[in-house]
Amino acid sequence: MVETLAREAERLELRARFAAEAAASEAEALASGKAISLDKAFDYLDGRLAGAKVHDGA
C-alpha cells in the first residue's frame, strides 16, 4: 500500500513538472514571434489541400 502511494505521489510530481515545462516552452515560443495562430495554420493547410497557391506569411 505504501509503495502504491509513493508511486502515485511520484507520478503526480512528474506530471506537475511536465505541465510547468510545457507552459514555459509555450510562453517561450509565443514570445519568440515565430509562432502563428492555429487558425492561420489550418487556413494555410486548407488552401494547400485545395490546390491554391497560398502565401505562408513569412
PDB file of N, CA and C in Angstrom:
ATOM      1  N   MET A   1       0.822  -1.194   0.000  1.00  0.00           N
ATOM      2  CA  MET A   1       0.000   0.000   0.000  1.00  0.00           C
ATOM      3  C   MET A   1       0.873   1.267   0.000  1.00  0.00           C
ATOM      4  N   VAL A   2       1.910   1.256   0.820  1.00  0.00           N
ATOM      5  CA  VAL A   2       2.796   2.413   0.908  1.00  0.00           C
ATOM      6  C   VAL A   2       3.516   2.609  -0.424  1.00  0.00           C
ATOM      7  N   GLU A   3       3.939   1.518  -1.045  1.00  0.00           N
ATOM      8  CA  GLU A   3       4.609   1.614  -2.348  1.00  0.00           C
ATOM      9  C   GLU A   3       3.684   2.214  -3.393  1.00  0.00           C
ATOM     10  N   THR A   4       2.436   1.823  -3.366  1.00  0.00           N
ATOM     11  CA  THR A   4       1.458   2.349  -4.318  1.00  0.00           C
ATOM     12  C   THR A   4       1.289   3.848  -4.138  1.00  0.00           C
ATOM     13  N   LEU A   5       1.184   4.288  -2.899  1.00  0.00           N
ATOM     14  CA  LEU A   5       1.040   5.722  -2.625  1.00  0.00           C
ATOM     15  C   LEU A   5       2.301   6.483  -3.037  1.00  0.00           C
ATOM     16  N   ALA A   6       3.459   5.900  -2.806  1.00  0.00           N
ATOM     17  CA  ALA A   6       4.710   6.553  -3.199  1.00  0.00           C
ATOM     18  C   ALA A   6       4.798   6.679  -4.712  1.00  0.00           C
ATOM     19  N   ARG A   7       4.411   5.623  -5.432  1.00  0.00           N
ATOM     20  CA  ARG A   7       4.428   5.684  -6.906  1.00  0.00           C
ATOM     21  C   ARG A   7       3.450   6.731  -7.413  1.00  0.00           C
ATOM     22  N   GLU A   8       2.285   6.806  -6.789  1.00  0.00           N
ATOM     23  CA  GLU A   8       1.285   7.796  -7.211  1.00  0.00           C
ATOM     24  C   GLU A   8       1.787   9.218  -6.944  1.00  0.00           C
ATOM     25  N   ALA A   9       2.417   9.424  -5.804  1.00  0.00           N
ATOM     26  CA  ALA A   9       2.971  10.745  -5.483  1.00  0.00           C
ATOM     27  C   ALA A   9       4.050  11.125  -6.494  1.00  0.00           C
ATOM     28  N   GLU A  10       4.902  10.175  -6.857  1.00  0.00           N
ATOM     29  CA  GLU A  10       5.945  10.440  -7.847  1.00  0.00           C
ATOM     30  C   GLU A  10       5.330  10.741  -9.212  1.00  0.00           C
ATOM     31  N   ARG A  11       4.298   9.989  -9.576  1.00  0.00           N
ATOM     32  CA  ARG A  11       3.622  10.215 -10.850  1.00  0.00           C
ATOM     33  C   ARG A  11       3.023  11.618 -10.905  1.00  0.00           C
ATOM     34  N   LEU A  12       2.391  12.028  -9.808  1.00  0.00           N
ATOM     35  CA  LEU A  12       1.798  13.370  -9.768  1.00  0.00           C
ATOM     36  C   LEU A  12       2.865  14.456  -9.838  1.00  0.00           C
ATOM     37  N   GLU A  13       3.996  14.225  -9.185  1.00  0.00           N
ATOM     38  CA  GLU A  13       5.092  15.188  -9.242  1.00  0.00           C
ATOM     39  C   GLU A  13       5.649  15.305 -10.655  1.00  0.00           C
ATOM     40  N   LEU A  14       5.832  14.174 -11.321  1.00  0.00           N
ATOM     41  CA  LEU A  14       6.323  14.192 -12.698  1.00  0.00           C
ATOM     42  C   LEU A  14       5.340  14.900 -13.626  1.00  0.00           C
ATOM     43  N   ARG A  15       4.057  14.652 -13.425  1.00  0.00           N
ATOM     44  CA  ARG A  15       3.039  15.309 -14.255  1.00  0.00           C
ATOM     45  C   ARG A  15       3.049  16.818 -14.038  1.00  0.00           C
ATOM     46  N   ALA A  16       3.180  17.243 -12.793  1.00  0.00           N
ATOM     47  CA  ALA A  16       3.226  18.675 -12.493  1.00  0.00           C
ATOM     48  C   ALA A  16       4.466  19.310 -13.115  1.00  0.00           C
ATOM     49  N   ARG A  17       5.603  18.625 -13.045  1.00  0.00           N
ATOM     50  CA  ARG A  17       6.834  19.137 -13.646  1.00  0.00           C
ATOM     51  C   ARG A  17       6.682  19.241 -15.162  1.00  0.00           C
ATOM     52  N   PHE A  18       6.079  18.222 -15.762  1.00  0.00           N
ATOM     53  CA  PHE A  18       5.845  18.240 -17.209  1.00  0.00           C
ATOM     54  C   PHE A  18       4.963  19.425 -17.599  1.00  0.00           C
ATOM     55  N   ALA A  19       3.891  19.638 -16.842  1.00  0.00           N
ATOM     56  CA  ALA A  19       2.976  20.739 -17.148  1.00  0.00           C
ATOM     57  C   ALA A  19       3.684  22.089 -17.034  1.00  0.00           C
ATOM     58  N   ALA A  20       4.518  22.246 -16.013  1.00  0.00           N
ATOM     59  CA  ALA A  20       5.248  23.508 -15.839  1.00  0.00           C
ATOM     60  C   ALA A  20       6.230  23.732 -16.986  1.00  0.00           C
ATOM     61  N   GLU A  21       6.934  22.679 -17.389  1.00  0.00           N
ATOM     62  CA  GLU A  21       7.874  22.805 -18.501  1.00  0.00           C
ATOM     63  C   GLU A  21       7.153  23.094 -19.813  1.00  0.00           C
ATOM     64  N   ALA A  22       5.996  22.484 -20.004  1.00  0.00           N
ATOM     65  CA  ALA A  22       5.215  22.732 -21.217  1.00  0.00           C
ATOM     66  C   ALA A  22       4.742  24.184 -21.266  1.00  0.00           C
ATOM     67  N   ALA A  23       4.288  24.691 -20.131  1.00  0.00           N
ATOM     68  CA  ALA A  23       3.830  26.084 -20.077  1.00  0.00           C
ATOM     69  C   ALA A  23       4.977  27.042 -20.364  1.00  0.00           C
ATOM     70  N   ALA A  24       6.157  26.750 -19.821  1.00  0.00           N
ATOM     71  CA  ALA A  24       7.324  27.602 -20.070  1.00  0.00           C
ATOM     72  C   ALA A  24       7.725  27.546 -21.538  1.00  0.00           C
ATOM     73  N   SER A  25       7.679  26.371 -22.134  1.00  0.00           N
ATOM     74  CA  SER A  25       8.015  26.231 -23.554  1.00  0.00           C
ATOM     75  C   SER A  25       7.029  26.979 -24.428  1.00  0.00           C
ATOM     76  N   GLU A  26       5.753  26.900 -24.087  1.00  0.00           N
ATOM     77  CA  GLU A  26       4.733  27.622 -24.859  1.00  0.00           C
ATOM     78  C   GLU A  26       4.963  29.127 -24.768  1.00  0.00           C
ATOM     79  N   ALA A  27       5.241  29.613 -23.576  1.00  0.00           N
ATOM     80  CA  ALA A  27       5.487  31.044 -23.400  1.00  0.00           C
ATOM     81  C   ALA A  27       6.706  31.492 -24.197  1.00  0.00           C
ATOM     82  N   GLU A  28       7.749  30.671 -24.182  1.00  0.00           N
ATOM     83  CA  GLU A  28       8.958  30.997 -24.939  1.00  0.00           C
ATOM     84  C   GLU A  28       8.684  31.027 -26.444  1.00  0.00           C
ATOM     85  N   ALA A  29       7.929  30.060 -26.922  1.00  0.00           N
ATOM     86  CA  ALA A  29       7.611  30.008 -28.351  1.00  0.00           C
ATOM     87  C   ALA A  29       6.774  31.210 -28.766  1.00  0.00           C
ATOM     88  N   LEU A  30       5.795  31.574 -27.957  1.00  0.00           N
ATOM     89  CA  LEU A  30       4.954  32.715 -28.290  1.00  0.00           C
ATOM     90  C   LEU A  30       5.741  34.021 -28.225  1.00  0.00           C
ATOM     91  N   ALA A  31       6.651  34.126 -27.264  1.00  0.00           N
ATOM     92  CA  ALA A  31       7.452  35.340 -27.112  1.00  0.00           C
ATOM     93  C   ALA A  31       8.449  35.507 -28.258  1.00  0.00           C
ATOM     94  N   SER A  32       8.802  34.414 -28.909  1.00  0.00           N
ATOM     95  CA  SER A  32       9.791  34.480 -29.989  1.00  0.00           C
ATOM     96  C   SER A  32       9.258  35.211 -31.211  1.00  0.00           C
ATOM     97  N   GLY A  33       7.941  35.282 -31.337  1.00  0.00           N
ATOM     98  CA  GLY A  33       7.343  35.906 -32.507  1.00  0.00           C
ATOM     99  C   GLY A  33       7.344  34.999 -33.726  1.00  0.00           C
ATOM    100  N   LYS A  34       7.814  33.782 -33.575  1.00  0.00           N
ATOM    101  CA  LYS A  34       7.880  32.842 -34.692  1.00  0.00           C
ATOM    102  C   LYS A  34       6.651  31.944 -34.746  1.00  0.00           C
ATOM    103  N   ALA A  35       5.800  32.037 -33.747  1.00  0.00           N
ATOM    104  CA  ALA A  35       4.603  31.201 -33.692  1.00  0.00           C
ATOM    105  C   ALA A  35       3.476  31.855 -34.491  1.00  0.00           C
ATOM    106  N   ILE A  36       2.624  31.028 -35.061  1.00  0.00           N
ATOM    107  CA  ILE A  36       1.440  31.532 -35.753  1.00  0.00           C
ATOM    108  C   ILE A  36       0.215  30.910 -35.100  1.00  0.00           C
ATOM    109  N   SER A  37      -0.910  31.552 -35.312  1.00  0.00           N
ATOM    110  CA  SER A  37      -2.128  31.031 -34.704  1.00  0.00           C
ATOM    111  C   SER A  37      -2.561  29.737 -35.389  1.00  0.00           C
ATOM    112  N   LEU A  38      -3.277  28.938 -34.657  1.00  0.00           N
ATOM    113  CA  LEU A  38      -3.770  27.677 -35.202  1.00  0.00           C
ATOM    114  C   LEU A  38      -4.714  27.935 -36.373  1.00  0.00           C
ATOM    115  N   ASP A  39      -5.513  28.994 -36.284  1.00  0.00           N
ATOM    116  CA  ASP A  39      -6.420  29.340 -37.386  1.00  0.00           C
ATOM    117  C   ASP A  39      -5.654  29.613 -38.673  1.00  0.00           C
ATOM    118  N   LYS A  40      -4.561  30.385 -38.572  1.00  0.00           N
ATOM    119  CA  LYS A  40      -3.759  30.683 -39.759  1.00  0.00           C
ATOM    120  C   LYS A  40      -3.112  29.421 -40.323  1.00  0.00           C
ATOM    121  N   ALA A  41      -2.658  28.552 -39.429  1.00  0.00           N
ATOM    122  CA  ALA A  41      -2.031  27.307 -39.877  1.00  0.00           C
ATOM    123  C   ALA A  41      -3.031  26.444 -40.637  1.00  0.00           C
ATOM    124  N   PHE A  42      -4.240  26.319 -40.101  1.00  0.00           N
ATOM    125  CA  PHE A  42      -5.253  25.499 -40.768  1.00  0.00           C
ATOM    126  C   PHE A  42      -5.744  26.146 -42.065  1.00  0.00           C
ATOM    127  N   ASP A  43      -5.836  27.461 -42.083  1.00  0.00           N
ATOM    128  CA  ASP A  43      -6.211  28.143 -43.330  1.00  0.00           C
ATOM    129  C   ASP A  43      -5.173  27.864 -44.412  1.00  0.00           C
ATOM    130  N   TYR A  44      -3.896  27.921 -44.036  1.00  0.00           N
ATOM    131  CA  TYR A  44      -2.815  27.636 -44.977  1.00  0.00           C
ATOM    132  C   TYR A  44      -2.925  26.202 -45.494  1.00  0.00           C
ATOM    133  N   LEU A  45      -3.101  25.249 -44.578  1.00  0.00           N
ATOM    134  CA  LEU A  45      -3.188  23.844 -44.977  1.00  0.00           C
ATOM    135  C   LEU A  45      -4.416  23.571 -45.835  1.00  0.00           C
ATOM    136  N   ASP A  46      -5.550  24.190 -45.479  1.00  0.00           N
ATOM    137  CA  ASP A  46      -6.758  24.023 -46.290  1.00  0.00           C
ATOM    138  C   ASP A  46      -6.541  24.541 -47.706  1.00  0.00           C
ATOM    139  N   GLY A  47      -5.873  25.685 -47.810  1.00  0.00           N
ATOM    140  CA  GLY A  47      -5.582  26.239 -49.130  1.00  0.00           C
ATOM    141  C   GLY A  47      -4.677  25.328 -49.930  1.00  0.00           C
ATOM    142  N   ARG A  48      -3.663  24.797 -49.294  1.00  0.00           N
ATOM    143  CA  ARG A  48      -2.741  23.872 -49.982  1.00  0.00           C
ATOM    144  C   ARG A  48      -3.467  22.616 -50.439  1.00  0.00           C
ATOM    145  N   LEU A  49      -4.329  22.091 -49.590  1.00  0.00           N
ATOM    146  CA  LEU A  49      -5.084  20.892 -49.963  1.00  0.00           C
ATOM    147  C   LEU A  49      -6.027  21.154 -51.133  1.00  0.00           C
ATOM    148  N   ALA A  50      -6.521  22.387 -51.190  1.00  0.00           N
ATOM    149  CA  ALA A  50      -7.424  22.749 -52.284  1.00  0.00           C
ATOM    150  C   ALA A  50      -6.657  23.042 -53.571  1.00  0.00           C
ATOM    151  N   GLY A  51      -5.331  23.030 -53.497  1.00  0.00           N
ATOM    152  CA  GLY A  51      -4.535  23.270 -54.682  1.00  0.00           C
ATOM    153  C   GLY A  51      -4.226  24.731 -54.933  1.00  0.00           C
ATOM    154  N   ALA A  52      -4.610  25.591 -54.017  1.00  0.00           N
ATOM    155  CA  ALA A  52      -4.377  27.023 -54.199  1.00  0.00           C
ATOM    156  C   ALA A  52      -2.927  27.350 -53.840  1.00  0.00           C
ATOM    157  N   LYS A  53      -2.402  28.381 -54.489  1.00  0.00           N
ATOM    158  CA  LYS A  53      -1.111  28.906 -54.094  1.00  0.00           C
ATOM    159  C   LYS A  53      -1.377  29.866 -52.946  1.00  0.00           C
ATOM    160  N   VAL A  54      -0.882  29.513 -51.808  1.00  0.00           N
ATOM    161  CA  VAL A  54      -1.123  30.345 -50.628  1.00  0.00           C
ATOM    162  C   VAL A  54       0.180  30.889 -50.110  1.00  0.00           C
ATOM    163  N   HIS A  55       0.115  32.088 -49.573  1.00  0.00           N
ATOM    164  CA  HIS A  55       1.283  32.733 -49.006  1.00  0.00           C
ATOM    165  C   HIS A  55       1.457  32.220 -47.585  1.00  0.00           C
ATOM    166  N   ASP A  56       2.674  31.818 -47.234  1.00  0.00           N
ATOM    167  CA  ASP A  56       2.898  31.243 -45.901  1.00  0.00           C
ATOM    168  C   ASP A  56       3.071  32.284 -44.811  1.00  0.00           C
ATOM    169  N   GLY A  57       3.027  33.530 -45.165  1.00  0.00           N
ATOM    170  CA  GLY A  57       3.106  34.603 -44.175  1.00  0.00           C
ATOM    171  C   GLY A  57       4.531  34.944 -43.767  1.00  0.00           C
ATOM    172  N   ALA A  58       5.504  34.279 -44.354  1.00  0.00           N
ATOM    173  CA  ALA A  58       6.901  34.562 -43.971  1.00  0.00           C
ATOM    174  C   ALA A  58       7.446  35.731 -44.736  1.00  0.00           C
TER     175      ALA A  58
END
